[in-house]
C-alpha atoms as a PDB file:
ATOM      1  CA  MET A   1     -81.138 107.264 -10.413  1.00  0.00           C
ATOM      2  CA  SER A   2     -84.311 109.232  -9.837  1.00  0.00           C
ATOM      3  CA  GLY A   3     -84.841 108.185  -6.253  1.00  0.00           C
ATOM      4  CA  LEU A   4     -88.372 106.933  -6.939  1.00  0.00           C
ATOM      5  CA  LYS A   5     -89.384 103.675  -5.299  1.00  0.00           C
ATOM      6  CA  VAL A   6     -92.024 101.109  -6.209  1.00  0.00           C
ATOM      7  CA  ASN A   7     -94.649 100.506  -3.543  1.00  0.00           C
ATOM      8  CA  PHE A   8     -95.093  96.732  -3.948  1.00  0.00           C
ATOM      9  CA  LEU A   9     -97.947  96.681  -1.426  1.00  0.00           C
ATOM     10  CA  LYS A  10    -100.037  98.648  -3.940  1.00  0.00           C
ATOM     11  CA  SER A  11     -98.730  96.734  -6.977  1.00  0.00           C
ATOM     12  CA  LYS A  12    -100.264  93.721  -8.711  1.00  0.00           C
ATOM     13  CA  LEU A  13     -98.431  90.992 -10.606  1.00  0.00           C
ATOM     14  CA  VAL A  14    -100.131  89.817 -13.817  1.00  0.00           C
ATOM     15  CA  GLY A  15     -98.908  86.795 -15.751  1.00  0.00           C
ATOM     16  CA  ILE A  16     -99.549  86.019 -19.391  1.00  0.00           C
ATOM     17  CA  ASN A  17     -98.869  82.444 -20.555  1.00  0.00           C
ATOM     18  CA  ILE A  18     -97.151  81.680 -17.243  1.00  0.00           C
ATOM     19  CA  PRO A  19     -98.197  78.858 -14.884  1.00  0.00           C
ATOM     20  CA  GLN A  20    -100.363  80.069 -11.990  1.00  0.00           C
ATOM     21  CA  ASN A  21     -98.107  78.507  -9.338  1.00  0.00           C
ATOM     22  CA  TRP A  22     -95.147  80.558 -10.647  1.00  0.00           C
ATOM     23  CA  ILE A  23     -97.176  83.771 -10.333  1.00  0.00           C
ATOM     24  CA  ILE A  24     -98.151  82.872  -6.762  1.00  0.00           C
ATOM     25  CA  GLU A  25     -94.554  82.220  -5.749  1.00  0.00           C
ATOM     26  CA  ALA A  26     -93.252  85.384  -7.443  1.00  0.00           C
ATOM     27  CA  ALA A  27     -95.921  87.534  -5.779  1.00  0.00           C
ATOM     28  CA  GLU A  28     -94.959  86.115  -2.380  1.00  0.00           C
ATOM     29  CA  VAL A  29     -91.250  86.810  -3.002  1.00  0.00           C
ATOM     30  CA  ILE A  30     -91.713  90.450  -3.987  1.00  0.00           C
ATOM     31  CA  LYS A  31     -94.586  90.884  -1.499  1.00  0.00           C
ATOM     32  CA  CYS A  32     -97.227  92.194  -3.879  1.00  0.00           C
ATOM     33  CA  GLY A  33    -100.735  91.177  -4.895  1.00  0.00           C
ATOM     34  CA  MET A  34    -101.797  89.097  -7.879  1.00  0.00           C
ATOM     35  CA  SER A  35    -104.257  89.908 -10.610  1.00  0.00           C
ATOM     36  CA  SER A  36    -105.338  88.544 -13.977  1.00  0.00           C
ATOM     37  CA  LEU A  37    -106.452  89.964 -17.261  1.00  0.00           C
ATOM     38  CA  ARG A  38    -110.063  89.705 -18.281  1.00  0.00           C
ATOM     39  CA  ASN A  39    -110.368  86.478 -20.247  1.00  0.00           C
ATOM     40  CA  SER A  40    -113.720  87.020 -21.924  1.00  0.00           C
ATOM     41  CA  TYR A  41    -115.586  89.810 -23.638  1.00  0.00           C
ATOM     42  CA  LEU A  42    -119.340  89.655 -24.217  1.00  0.00           C
ATOM     43  CA  GLY A  43    -119.244  85.976 -23.254  1.00  0.00           C
ATOM     44  CA  LEU A  44    -116.570  85.005 -25.780  1.00  0.00           C
ATOM     45  CA  PRO A  45    -113.066  84.003 -24.678  1.00  0.00           C
ATOM     46  CA  ILE A  46    -110.426  86.542 -25.720  1.00  0.00           C
ATOM     47  CA  GLY A  47    -108.024  85.086 -28.275  1.00  0.00           C
ATOM     48  CA  ALA A  48    -110.217  82.071 -29.029  1.00  0.00           C
ATOM     49  CA  ASN A  49    -110.617  80.740 -32.553  1.00  0.00           C
ATOM     50  CA  ALA A  50    -113.984  82.054 -33.765  1.00  0.00           C
ATOM     51  CA  LYS A  51    -114.176  79.284 -36.377  1.00  0.00           C
ATOM     52  CA  GLN A  52    -114.457  76.542 -33.742  1.00  0.00           C
ATOM     53  CA  MET A  53    -117.928  75.616 -32.497  1.00  0.00           C
ATOM     54  CA  GLU A  54    -116.699  75.240 -28.895  1.00  0.00           C
ATOM     55  CA  THR A  55    -115.928  78.968 -28.831  1.00  0.00           C
ATOM     56  CA  TRP A  56    -119.610  79.806 -29.257  1.00  0.00           C
ATOM     57  CA  ASP A  57    -121.006  77.287 -26.742  1.00  0.00           C
ATOM     58  CA  ALA A  58    -121.296  79.897 -23.967  1.00  0.00           C
ATOM     59  CA  VAL A  59    -123.257  82.281 -26.199  1.00  0.00           C
ATOM     60  CA  ILE A  60    -125.531  79.491 -27.473  1.00  0.00           C
ATOM     61  CA  ASN A  61    -126.222  78.242 -23.938  1.00  0.00           C
ATOM     62  CA  MET A  62    -127.008  81.773 -22.793  1.00  0.00           C
ATOM     63  CA  ALA A  63    -129.455  82.279 -25.686  1.00  0.00           C
ATOM     64  CA  HIS A  64    -131.172  78.966 -24.868  1.00  0.00           C
ATOM     65  CA  GLY A  65    -131.398  79.950 -21.201  1.00  0.00           C
ATOM     66  CA  VAL A  66    -132.925  83.337 -21.975  1.00  0.00           C
ATOM     67  CA  ALA A  67    -135.448  81.832 -24.407  1.00  0.00           C
ATOM     68  CA  CYS A  68    -136.503  79.200 -21.853  1.00  0.00           C
ATOM     69  CA  ALA A  69    -136.635  81.675 -18.967  1.00  0.00           C
ATOM     70  CA  ILE A  70    -139.106  83.947 -20.718  1.00  0.00           C
ATOM     71  CA  GLY A  71    -141.096  81.084 -22.202  1.00  0.00           C
ATOM     72  CA  LEU A  72    -140.265  81.505 -25.885  1.00  0.00           C
ATOM     73  CA  GLU A  73    -140.114  78.624 -28.306  1.00  0.00           C
ATOM     74  CA  TYR A  74    -136.983  78.226 -30.395  1.00  0.00           C
ATOM     75  CA  GLN A  75    -135.599  76.067 -33.170  1.00  0.00           C
ATOM     76  CA  GLN A  76    -131.919  75.328 -33.647  1.00  0.00           C
ATOM     77  CA  SER A  77    -130.108  74.033 -36.706  1.00  0.00           C
ATOM     78  CA  TYR A  78    -126.598  73.358 -37.991  1.00  0.00           C
ATOM     79  CA  THR A  79    -125.660  73.761 -41.630  1.00  0.00           C
ATOM     80  CA  THR A  80    -122.360  73.132 -43.406  1.00  0.00           C
ATOM     81  CA  ASN A  81    -121.292  75.136 -46.419  1.00  0.00           C
ATOM     82  CA  GLY A  82    -117.858  74.536 -47.923  1.00  0.00           C
ATOM     83  CA  GLY A  83    -116.420  73.208 -44.668  1.00  0.00           C
ATOM     84  CA  ASN A  84    -117.824  76.087 -42.600  1.00  0.00           C
ATOM     85  CA  THR A  85    -120.362  75.115 -39.957  1.00  0.00           C
ATOM     86  CA  CYS A  86    -123.134  77.590 -39.268  1.00  0.00           C
ATOM     87  CA  TYR A  87    -125.354  77.452 -36.200  1.00  0.00           C
ATOM     88  CA  SER A  88    -128.683  79.226 -36.273  1.00  0.00           C
ATOM     89  CA  LEU A  89    -131.137  79.761 -33.470  1.00  0.00           C
ATOM     90  CA  LYS A  90    -134.580  81.069 -34.368  1.00  0.00           C
ATOM     91  CA  ILE A  91    -136.614  82.365 -31.476  1.00  0.00           C
ATOM     92  CA  TYR A  92    -140.345  82.621 -32.098  1.00  0.00           C
ATOM     93  CA  SER A  93    -142.173  85.579 -30.661  1.00  0.00           C
ATOM     94  CA  GLU A  94    -145.759  85.466 -29.437  1.00  0.00           C
ATOM     95  CA  VAL A  95    -146.907  87.133 -32.692  1.00  0.00           C
ATOM     96  CA  GLU A  96    -145.293  84.447 -34.885  1.00  0.00           C
ATOM     97  CA  LYS A  97    -146.907  81.604 -32.914  1.00  0.00           C
ATOM     98  CA  ARG A  98    -150.450  82.731 -33.805  1.00  0.00           C
END
């Protein structure tokens, strides 16, 4: 034994693939805080299937919001090629509109 002790008041309990209520109960038992891992990076969920359209909804909605907020016109389209669905968003600049 080294004699070192864990300061649970400064510790955080992080659960991966564990129900949230279990984490809450465990943190109360060992008297420590709770935390969670970052679940998205650049607007995309970590570990999500990039081939599913639902994964990209947040990015598409953000692009639409930015285009509308600054008054740009845009055109969206879906194409399918060999079972792969491709979404394209073309944003027109002021120069292209003339």
